[in-house]
N, C-alpha and C. Protein backbone atom coordinates (compact mmCIF):
# COMPACT_ATOMS: atom_id res chain seq x y z
N UNK A 1 -33.37 -26.48 13.47
CA UNK A 1 -33.07 -25.60 12.36
C UNK A 1 -33.61 -26.11 11.07
N UNK A 2 -34.21 -25.14 10.22
CA UNK A 2 -34.78 -25.52 8.93
C UNK A 2 -33.68 -25.78 7.93
N UNK A 3 -34.01 -26.64 6.98
CA UNK A 3 -33.08 -26.97 5.83
C UNK A 3 -32.97 -25.65 5.05
N UNK A 4 -31.81 -25.38 4.47
CA UNK A 4 -31.65 -24.26 3.57
C UNK A 4 -31.75 -22.90 4.27
N UNK A 5 -31.82 -22.87 5.67
CA UNK A 5 -31.96 -21.62 6.33
C UNK A 5 -30.63 -21.44 6.99
N UNK A 6 -29.84 -20.36 6.68
CA UNK A 6 -28.66 -20.04 7.32
C UNK A 6 -28.71 -19.88 8.83
N UNK A 7 -27.62 -20.21 9.47
CA UNK A 7 -27.51 -20.18 10.90
C UNK A 7 -27.39 -18.68 11.39
N UNK A 8 -26.69 -17.95 10.59
CA UNK A 8 -26.42 -16.44 10.92
C UNK A 8 -27.11 -15.66 9.90
N UNK A 9 -27.54 -14.53 10.22
CA UNK A 9 -28.29 -13.50 9.40
C UNK A 9 -27.20 -12.70 8.76
N UNK A 10 -27.38 -12.31 7.57
CA UNK A 10 -26.53 -11.30 6.75
C UNK A 10 -26.89 -10.02 7.35
N UNK A 11 -26.05 -9.32 8.03
CA UNK A 11 -26.43 -8.05 8.66
C UNK A 11 -26.43 -6.78 7.77
N UNK A 12 -25.86 -6.95 6.61
CA UNK A 12 -25.85 -5.87 5.65
C UNK A 12 -27.02 -5.85 4.81
N UNK A 13 -28.04 -6.70 5.14
CA UNK A 13 -29.39 -6.59 4.29
C UNK A 13 -30.46 -6.28 5.26
N UNK A 14 -31.39 -5.54 4.95
CA UNK A 14 -32.48 -5.16 5.72
C UNK A 14 -33.57 -6.17 5.61
N UNK A 15 -34.69 -6.18 6.18
CA UNK A 15 -35.86 -7.14 6.20
C UNK A 15 -36.34 -7.33 4.76
N UNK A 16 -36.19 -6.40 3.83
CA UNK A 16 -36.66 -6.56 2.48
C UNK A 16 -35.50 -6.94 1.59
N UNK A 17 -34.27 -7.26 2.13
CA UNK A 17 -33.16 -7.74 1.28
C UNK A 17 -32.37 -6.68 0.76
N UNK A 18 -32.60 -5.42 1.01
CA UNK A 18 -31.76 -4.31 0.40
C UNK A 18 -30.50 -4.10 1.27
N UNK A 19 -29.44 -3.69 0.67
CA UNK A 19 -28.27 -3.39 1.23
C UNK A 19 -28.39 -2.18 2.15
N UNK A 20 -27.75 -2.29 3.24
CA UNK A 20 -27.69 -1.17 4.27
C UNK A 20 -26.38 -1.21 4.99
N UNK A 21 -26.04 -0.01 5.64
CA UNK A 21 -24.91 0.04 6.41
C UNK A 21 -25.40 -0.25 7.83
N UNK A 22 -24.79 -1.11 8.46
CA UNK A 22 -25.17 -1.62 9.80
C UNK A 22 -24.77 -0.52 10.82
N UNK A 23 -25.57 -0.24 11.79
CA UNK A 23 -25.29 0.66 12.88
C UNK A 23 -24.43 -0.01 13.76
N UNK A 24 -23.24 0.45 14.06
CA UNK A 24 -22.31 0.05 15.17
C UNK A 24 -22.32 0.92 16.47
N UNK A 25 -23.24 1.87 16.57
CA UNK A 25 -23.21 2.88 17.59
C UNK A 25 -23.26 2.30 19.02
N UNK A 26 -23.93 1.12 19.18
CA UNK A 26 -23.98 0.59 20.46
C UNK A 26 -22.95 -0.36 20.90
N UNK A 27 -21.93 -0.64 19.83
CA UNK A 27 -20.89 -1.43 20.27
C UNK A 27 -19.80 -0.72 21.03
N UNK A 28 -19.07 -1.50 21.85
CA UNK A 28 -18.04 -0.93 22.67
C UNK A 28 -16.75 -0.98 21.87
N UNK A 29 -15.92 -0.03 22.00
CA UNK A 29 -14.55 0.14 21.37
C UNK A 29 -13.72 -1.01 22.11
N UNK A 30 -12.97 -1.77 21.22
CA UNK A 30 -12.04 -2.67 21.67
C UNK A 30 -10.80 -2.68 20.71
N UNK A 31 -9.71 -3.23 21.30
CA UNK A 31 -8.53 -3.30 20.53
C UNK A 31 -8.77 -4.48 19.48
N UNK A 32 -8.43 -4.11 18.15
CA UNK A 32 -8.76 -5.14 17.13
C UNK A 32 -7.41 -5.26 16.29
N UNK A 33 -7.19 -6.53 15.86
CA UNK A 33 -6.13 -6.77 15.01
C UNK A 33 -6.51 -7.86 14.01
N UNK A 34 -6.10 -7.54 12.77
CA UNK A 34 -6.41 -8.53 11.68
C UNK A 34 -5.08 -8.62 10.72
N UNK A 35 -4.95 -9.97 10.35
CA UNK A 35 -3.86 -10.29 9.44
C UNK A 35 -4.37 -11.06 8.25
N UNK A 36 -3.96 -10.70 7.13
CA UNK A 36 -4.31 -11.31 5.85
C UNK A 36 -3.06 -11.63 5.15
N UNK A 37 -3.17 -12.64 4.30
CA UNK A 37 -2.07 -12.93 3.52
C UNK A 37 -2.50 -13.14 1.99
N UNK A 38 -1.52 -13.23 1.12
CA UNK A 38 -1.77 -13.26 -0.36
C UNK A 38 -0.36 -13.81 -0.90
N UNK A 39 -0.61 -14.59 -2.01
CA UNK A 39 0.64 -15.09 -2.64
C UNK A 39 0.66 -14.61 -4.13
N UNK A 40 1.99 -14.34 -4.57
CA UNK A 40 2.20 -14.09 -5.95
C UNK A 40 3.13 -15.12 -6.53
N UNK A 41 2.68 -15.94 -7.38
CA UNK A 41 3.49 -17.00 -8.00
C UNK A 41 4.15 -16.46 -9.31
N UNK A 42 5.41 -16.71 -9.51
CA UNK A 42 6.13 -16.24 -10.73
C UNK A 42 7.36 -17.11 -11.03
N UNK A 43 8.02 -16.76 -12.20
CA UNK A 43 9.15 -17.45 -12.55
C UNK A 43 10.30 -17.19 -11.56
N UNK A 44 11.26 -18.08 -11.49
CA UNK A 44 12.44 -18.02 -10.61
C UNK A 44 13.17 -16.69 -10.99
N UNK A 45 13.35 -16.49 -12.26
CA UNK A 45 13.99 -15.25 -12.78
C UNK A 45 13.36 -13.94 -12.30
N UNK A 46 11.98 -13.99 -12.24
CA UNK A 46 11.28 -12.72 -11.74
C UNK A 46 11.55 -12.48 -10.35
N UNK A 47 11.54 -13.55 -9.61
CA UNK A 47 11.64 -13.50 -8.23
C UNK A 47 13.17 -13.09 -7.91
N UNK A 48 14.13 -13.51 -8.68
CA UNK A 48 15.49 -13.08 -8.45
C UNK A 48 15.67 -11.70 -8.82
N UNK A 49 14.93 -11.10 -9.81
CA UNK A 49 14.99 -9.73 -10.17
C UNK A 49 14.36 -8.80 -9.10
N UNK A 50 13.24 -9.21 -8.52
CA UNK A 50 12.66 -8.56 -7.40
C UNK A 50 13.65 -8.37 -6.28
N UNK A 51 14.09 -9.65 -5.84
CA UNK A 51 15.05 -9.57 -4.67
C UNK A 51 16.27 -8.80 -4.89
N UNK A 52 16.69 -8.78 -6.20
CA UNK A 52 18.04 -8.02 -6.35
C UNK A 52 17.73 -6.49 -6.64
N UNK A 53 16.50 -6.21 -6.72
CA UNK A 53 16.16 -4.69 -6.89
C UNK A 53 16.49 -4.33 -8.37
N UNK A 54 16.43 -5.14 -9.29
CA UNK A 54 16.90 -4.70 -10.74
C UNK A 54 15.73 -4.60 -11.64
N UNK A 55 14.50 -4.58 -11.17
CA UNK A 55 13.27 -4.56 -12.06
C UNK A 55 13.24 -3.32 -12.74
N UNK A 56 12.61 -3.24 -13.93
CA UNK A 56 12.47 -2.12 -14.82
C UNK A 56 11.69 -0.81 -14.13
N UNK A 57 10.79 -1.12 -13.18
CA UNK A 57 10.12 0.02 -12.58
C UNK A 57 10.69 0.36 -11.18
N UNK A 58 11.80 -0.32 -10.88
CA UNK A 58 12.31 0.08 -9.42
C UNK A 58 12.19 -0.94 -8.44
N UNK A 59 12.32 -0.44 -7.13
CA UNK A 59 12.36 -1.29 -5.98
C UNK A 59 10.83 -1.76 -5.71
N UNK A 60 10.66 -3.06 -5.94
CA UNK A 60 9.27 -3.62 -5.95
C UNK A 60 8.59 -3.67 -4.48
N UNK A 61 9.37 -4.17 -3.45
CA UNK A 61 8.76 -4.41 -2.19
C UNK A 61 8.44 -3.06 -1.53
N UNK A 62 9.33 -2.05 -1.63
CA UNK A 62 9.00 -0.65 -1.12
C UNK A 62 7.75 -0.22 -1.67
N UNK A 63 7.61 -0.16 -2.83
CA UNK A 63 6.35 0.31 -3.59
C UNK A 63 5.18 -0.37 -3.19
N UNK A 64 5.29 -1.77 -3.06
CA UNK A 64 4.06 -2.61 -2.79
C UNK A 64 3.73 -2.41 -1.42
N UNK A 65 4.65 -2.07 -0.56
CA UNK A 65 4.43 -1.85 0.87
C UNK A 65 3.58 -0.51 1.12
N UNK A 66 4.05 0.50 0.33
CA UNK A 66 3.35 1.75 0.36
C UNK A 66 1.87 1.57 -0.29
N UNK A 67 1.81 0.94 -1.25
CA UNK A 67 0.49 0.67 -1.98
C UNK A 67 -0.35 -0.11 -0.90
N UNK A 68 0.11 -1.12 -0.14
CA UNK A 68 -0.73 -1.72 0.87
C UNK A 68 -1.23 -0.78 1.87
N UNK A 69 -0.35 0.05 2.36
CA UNK A 69 -0.69 0.98 3.44
C UNK A 69 -1.78 1.84 2.90
N UNK A 70 -1.54 2.44 1.80
CA UNK A 70 -2.53 3.36 1.17
C UNK A 70 -3.93 2.64 1.07
N UNK A 71 -3.89 1.29 0.56
CA UNK A 71 -5.17 0.58 0.39
C UNK A 71 -5.90 0.38 1.61
N UNK A 72 -5.17 -0.02 2.68
CA UNK A 72 -5.80 -0.03 4.02
C UNK A 72 -6.52 1.14 4.45
N UNK A 73 -5.89 2.16 4.30
CA UNK A 73 -6.52 3.45 4.75
C UNK A 73 -7.54 3.89 3.84
N UNK A 74 -7.68 3.47 2.57
CA UNK A 74 -8.81 3.66 1.68
C UNK A 74 -10.01 2.74 1.65
N UNK A 75 -10.00 1.76 2.48
CA UNK A 75 -10.89 0.60 2.44
C UNK A 75 -12.38 1.09 2.41
N UNK A 76 -12.83 1.90 3.33
CA UNK A 76 -14.26 2.36 3.13
C UNK A 76 -14.61 3.10 1.83
N UNK A 77 -13.65 3.63 1.20
CA UNK A 77 -13.85 4.25 -0.15
C UNK A 77 -14.13 3.38 -1.27
N UNK A 78 -13.68 2.11 -1.06
CA UNK A 78 -13.69 1.05 -2.14
C UNK A 78 -14.64 -0.12 -1.81
N UNK A 79 -14.91 -0.42 -0.65
CA UNK A 79 -15.82 -1.46 -0.22
C UNK A 79 -17.14 -0.80 0.44
N UNK A 80 -18.20 -0.84 -0.42
CA UNK A 80 -19.28 0.12 -0.22
C UNK A 80 -19.89 0.07 1.22
N UNK A 81 -20.04 -1.00 1.92
CA UNK A 81 -20.58 -0.97 3.16
C UNK A 81 -19.68 -1.08 4.36
N UNK A 82 -18.39 -0.87 4.06
CA UNK A 82 -17.40 -0.89 5.26
C UNK A 82 -17.53 0.51 5.90
N UNK A 83 -17.41 0.38 7.25
CA UNK A 83 -17.30 1.57 8.12
C UNK A 83 -15.93 2.00 8.04
N UNK A 84 -15.73 3.38 8.34
CA UNK A 84 -14.36 3.94 8.44
C UNK A 84 -13.83 3.51 9.80
N UNK A 85 -12.59 3.15 9.97
CA UNK A 85 -12.12 2.75 11.16
C UNK A 85 -10.84 3.78 11.41
N UNK A 86 -10.47 3.80 12.77
CA UNK A 86 -9.29 4.50 13.14
C UNK A 86 -8.21 3.46 13.04
N UNK A 87 -7.36 3.46 12.06
CA UNK A 87 -6.36 2.60 11.89
C UNK A 87 -5.15 3.13 12.84
N UNK A 88 -4.63 2.32 13.69
CA UNK A 88 -3.66 2.79 14.62
C UNK A 88 -2.34 2.13 14.20
N UNK A 89 -2.27 1.18 13.36
CA UNK A 89 -1.07 0.62 12.85
C UNK A 89 -1.19 -0.23 11.75
N UNK A 90 -0.23 -0.34 10.87
CA UNK A 90 -0.19 -1.30 9.60
C UNK A 90 1.20 -1.79 9.46
N UNK A 91 1.32 -3.13 9.44
CA UNK A 91 2.63 -3.85 9.23
C UNK A 91 2.45 -4.54 7.89
N UNK A 92 3.37 -4.32 7.01
CA UNK A 92 3.37 -5.09 5.75
C UNK A 92 4.82 -5.77 5.57
N UNK A 93 4.71 -7.10 5.28
CA UNK A 93 5.99 -7.85 5.04
C UNK A 93 5.84 -8.76 3.88
N UNK A 94 6.98 -9.23 3.40
CA UNK A 94 7.10 -10.13 2.17
C UNK A 94 8.11 -11.26 2.58
N UNK A 95 7.55 -12.47 2.14
CA UNK A 95 8.43 -13.59 2.40
C UNK A 95 8.45 -14.41 1.15
N UNK A 96 9.75 -14.73 0.78
CA UNK A 96 9.85 -15.43 -0.60
C UNK A 96 10.22 -17.01 -0.32
N UNK A 97 9.47 -17.72 -1.24
CA UNK A 97 9.91 -19.16 -1.41
C UNK A 97 10.68 -19.26 -2.69
N UNK A 98 11.88 -19.16 -2.57
CA UNK A 98 12.81 -19.30 -3.89
C UNK A 98 12.61 -20.51 -4.63
N UNK A 99 12.50 -21.58 -3.98
CA UNK A 99 12.32 -22.90 -4.60
C UNK A 99 11.07 -22.98 -5.50
N UNK A 100 9.99 -22.30 -5.19
CA UNK A 100 8.74 -22.43 -5.84
C UNK A 100 8.46 -21.16 -6.51
N UNK A 101 9.11 -20.24 -6.47
CA UNK A 101 8.85 -18.75 -7.09
C UNK A 101 7.63 -18.08 -6.61
N UNK A 102 7.60 -18.03 -5.18
CA UNK A 102 6.34 -17.56 -4.52
C UNK A 102 6.77 -16.52 -3.62
N UNK A 103 6.02 -15.26 -3.63
CA UNK A 103 6.20 -14.21 -2.54
C UNK A 103 4.83 -14.32 -1.86
N UNK A 104 4.97 -14.27 -0.49
CA UNK A 104 3.81 -14.17 0.28
C UNK A 104 3.79 -12.87 0.92
N UNK A 105 2.68 -12.16 0.70
CA UNK A 105 2.47 -10.84 1.32
C UNK A 105 1.73 -11.14 2.74
N UNK A 106 2.15 -10.33 3.71
CA UNK A 106 1.41 -10.39 4.95
C UNK A 106 1.14 -8.98 5.43
N UNK A 107 -0.19 -8.69 5.73
CA UNK A 107 -0.58 -7.42 6.18
C UNK A 107 -1.21 -7.45 7.44
N UNK A 108 -0.83 -6.82 8.44
CA UNK A 108 -1.48 -6.66 9.80
C UNK A 108 -1.95 -5.27 9.98
N UNK A 109 -3.34 -5.13 10.35
CA UNK A 109 -3.83 -3.88 10.67
C UNK A 109 -4.35 -3.84 12.09
N UNK A 110 -3.99 -2.77 12.82
CA UNK A 110 -4.45 -2.55 14.27
C UNK A 110 -5.39 -1.40 14.24
N UNK A 111 -6.36 -1.54 15.13
CA UNK A 111 -7.27 -0.43 15.44
C UNK A 111 -7.88 -0.49 16.79
N UNK A 112 -8.37 0.54 17.22
CA UNK A 112 -9.27 0.51 18.36
C UNK A 112 -10.62 1.12 18.04
N UNK A 113 -11.56 0.39 18.19
CA UNK A 113 -12.85 0.87 17.66
C UNK A 113 -14.09 -0.07 17.75
N UNK A 114 -15.01 0.20 17.05
CA UNK A 114 -16.42 -0.50 17.19
C UNK A 114 -16.43 -1.74 16.22
N UNK A 115 -15.59 -1.81 15.19
CA UNK A 115 -15.62 -2.80 14.19
C UNK A 115 -14.28 -3.28 13.78
N UNK A 116 -14.15 -4.36 13.18
CA UNK A 116 -12.83 -5.00 12.73
C UNK A 116 -12.05 -4.41 11.74
N UNK A 117 -10.94 -4.91 11.61
CA UNK A 117 -9.84 -4.41 10.56
C UNK A 117 -9.66 -5.46 9.57
N UNK A 118 -10.69 -6.47 9.46
CA UNK A 118 -10.30 -7.57 8.55
C UNK A 118 -10.28 -7.15 7.01
N UNK A 119 -11.21 -6.32 6.61
CA UNK A 119 -11.39 -5.84 5.32
C UNK A 119 -10.06 -4.97 4.94
N UNK A 120 -9.66 -4.18 5.86
CA UNK A 120 -8.52 -3.37 5.69
C UNK A 120 -7.25 -4.26 5.33
N UNK A 121 -7.07 -5.35 6.14
CA UNK A 121 -6.03 -6.19 6.01
C UNK A 121 -6.12 -6.82 4.72
N UNK A 122 -7.26 -7.40 4.28
CA UNK A 122 -7.49 -8.10 3.12
C UNK A 122 -7.14 -7.31 1.88
N UNK A 123 -7.73 -6.03 1.92
CA UNK A 123 -7.43 -5.15 0.74
C UNK A 123 -6.06 -4.81 0.62
N UNK A 124 -5.50 -4.56 1.70
CA UNK A 124 -3.96 -4.25 1.68
C UNK A 124 -3.24 -5.25 1.08
N UNK A 125 -3.39 -6.61 1.49
CA UNK A 125 -2.66 -7.77 0.90
C UNK A 125 -2.91 -7.93 -0.49
N UNK A 126 -4.12 -7.79 -0.90
CA UNK A 126 -4.44 -7.81 -2.51
C UNK A 126 -3.76 -6.73 -3.17
N UNK A 127 -3.83 -5.44 -2.76
CA UNK A 127 -3.18 -4.38 -3.47
C UNK A 127 -1.75 -4.51 -3.56
N UNK A 128 -1.18 -5.04 -2.55
CA UNK A 128 0.35 -5.17 -2.44
C UNK A 128 0.70 -6.29 -3.47
N UNK A 129 -0.11 -7.31 -3.59
CA UNK A 129 0.12 -8.41 -4.61
C UNK A 129 -0.01 -7.87 -6.00
N UNK A 130 -1.15 -7.03 -6.25
CA UNK A 130 -1.27 -6.57 -7.52
C UNK A 130 -0.28 -5.52 -7.96
N UNK A 131 0.31 -4.75 -6.90
CA UNK A 131 1.34 -3.85 -7.16
C UNK A 131 2.61 -4.60 -7.65
N UNK A 132 2.97 -5.72 -7.07
CA UNK A 132 4.06 -6.56 -7.46
C UNK A 132 3.83 -7.01 -8.93
N UNK A 133 2.62 -7.36 -9.09
CA UNK A 133 2.39 -7.75 -10.55
C UNK A 133 2.43 -6.68 -11.50
N UNK A 134 2.00 -5.50 -11.24
CA UNK A 134 2.16 -4.30 -12.06
C UNK A 134 3.59 -4.04 -12.35
N UNK A 135 4.39 -4.12 -11.33
CA UNK A 135 5.74 -3.69 -11.48
C UNK A 135 6.50 -4.68 -12.11
N UNK A 136 6.16 -5.89 -12.31
CA UNK A 136 6.90 -7.00 -12.91
C UNK A 136 6.22 -7.51 -14.11
N UNK A 137 5.14 -7.06 -14.58
CA UNK A 137 4.49 -7.63 -15.78
C UNK A 137 5.23 -7.46 -17.13
N UNK A 138 6.05 -6.57 -17.08
CA UNK A 138 6.86 -6.38 -18.44
C UNK A 138 7.89 -7.44 -18.56
N UNK A 139 8.17 -8.11 -17.56
CA UNK A 139 9.10 -9.24 -17.77
C UNK A 139 8.37 -10.68 -17.44
N UNK A 140 7.27 -10.68 -16.84
CA UNK A 140 6.52 -11.92 -16.56
C UNK A 140 5.21 -11.77 -16.42
N UNK A 141 4.28 -11.92 -17.54
CA UNK A 141 3.02 -11.76 -17.55
C UNK A 141 2.20 -13.06 -17.10
N UNK A 142 2.92 -14.17 -16.78
CA UNK A 142 2.41 -15.40 -16.38
C UNK A 142 2.30 -15.37 -14.85
N UNK A 143 2.56 -14.33 -14.14
CA UNK A 143 2.37 -14.37 -12.59
C UNK A 143 0.96 -14.53 -12.26
N UNK A 144 0.71 -15.20 -11.07
CA UNK A 144 -0.59 -15.53 -10.72
C UNK A 144 -0.63 -15.02 -9.32
N UNK A 145 -1.77 -14.31 -8.96
CA UNK A 145 -2.02 -13.80 -7.60
C UNK A 145 -3.01 -14.74 -7.05
N UNK A 146 -2.91 -15.27 -5.86
CA UNK A 146 -3.76 -16.29 -5.35
C UNK A 146 -3.83 -16.20 -3.78
N UNK A 147 -4.71 -17.05 -3.24
CA UNK A 147 -4.87 -17.31 -1.79
C UNK A 147 -5.00 -16.17 -0.96
N UNK A 148 -5.73 -15.18 -1.40
CA UNK A 148 -6.04 -14.06 -0.48
C UNK A 148 -6.91 -14.61 0.61
N UNK A 149 -6.51 -14.32 1.90
CA UNK A 149 -7.24 -14.90 2.98
C UNK A 149 -6.99 -14.25 4.31
N UNK A 150 -7.91 -14.20 5.18
CA UNK A 150 -7.88 -13.85 6.51
C UNK A 150 -7.15 -14.94 7.37
N UNK A 151 -6.05 -14.68 7.98
CA UNK A 151 -5.38 -15.70 8.74
C UNK A 151 -5.59 -15.54 10.33
N UNK A 152 -5.84 -14.32 10.71
CA UNK A 152 -6.13 -14.14 12.08
C UNK A 152 -6.82 -12.86 12.35
N UNK A 153 -7.63 -12.87 13.45
CA UNK A 153 -8.29 -11.65 13.81
C UNK A 153 -8.71 -11.74 15.33
N UNK A 154 -8.53 -10.71 15.97
CA UNK A 154 -8.91 -10.63 17.40
C UNK A 154 -9.63 -9.30 17.68
N UNK A 155 -10.36 -9.43 18.84
CA UNK A 155 -11.08 -8.23 19.24
C UNK A 155 -12.50 -8.40 18.96
N UNK A 156 -13.41 -7.55 19.59
CA UNK A 156 -14.81 -7.55 19.21
C UNK A 156 -15.72 -8.72 19.82
N UNK A 157 -16.82 -8.67 19.47
CA UNK A 157 -17.97 -9.62 20.02
C UNK A 157 -17.44 -11.10 19.75
N UNK A 158 -16.96 -11.33 18.55
CA UNK A 158 -16.67 -12.67 18.01
C UNK A 158 -15.25 -13.13 18.47
N UNK A 159 -14.50 -12.28 19.17
CA UNK A 159 -13.24 -12.66 19.63
C UNK A 159 -12.06 -13.07 18.76
N UNK A 160 -11.43 -14.19 19.04
CA UNK A 160 -10.23 -14.53 18.19
C UNK A 160 -10.67 -15.54 17.14
N UNK A 161 -9.93 -15.39 16.02
CA UNK A 161 -10.20 -16.35 14.83
C UNK A 161 -8.63 -16.61 14.39
N UNK A 162 -8.31 -17.86 14.41
CA UNK A 162 -7.03 -18.28 13.58
C UNK A 162 -7.30 -19.36 12.64
N UNK A 163 -6.89 -19.02 11.40
CA UNK A 163 -7.25 -20.06 10.30
C UNK A 163 -6.37 -21.18 10.52
N UNK A 164 -6.93 -22.38 10.57
CA UNK A 164 -6.23 -23.67 10.71
C UNK A 164 -5.05 -23.75 9.71
N UNK A 165 -3.96 -24.08 10.17
CA UNK A 165 -2.69 -24.24 9.45
C UNK A 165 -1.96 -23.01 9.18
N UNK A 166 -2.29 -21.85 9.88
CA UNK A 166 -1.73 -20.69 9.66
C UNK A 166 -0.93 -20.17 10.97
N UNK A 167 -0.10 -19.43 10.87
CA UNK A 167 0.65 -18.74 12.03
C UNK A 167 1.59 -19.73 12.69
């Protein structure tokens, strides 16, 4: 292997380096599942407000859950070279770490098709976190959205991926 030469080729670039949408027509349909997570760090009082449902804009988790689902379904409209996939299931959950003022969003997307659901899960988790921020910014502008990451994916040619330290 040559120095400075990547081991894998960027599939979304043609021979001249221009962006292109990769053909997936020859790929077989497989069951695909992807899970992404994201954190929102906030003050203890903001977390208590969210959990008690007393925020100025209403019920935070329900709104963020719907926002995540909508984002997953709109992924190819927002990420230019993403293929449309048939989403067969979306699960959104929230876990709070009261001691540290953290909410962790978890989004799992299921699909049967020729390409994965990683981008849908990542976008859903990010939009859920941003929705929490939007709904609570009137009381806590110091919130931080962080650690958006793919934690698991299965299906397709590359098989299963599990991020070390997750699950």
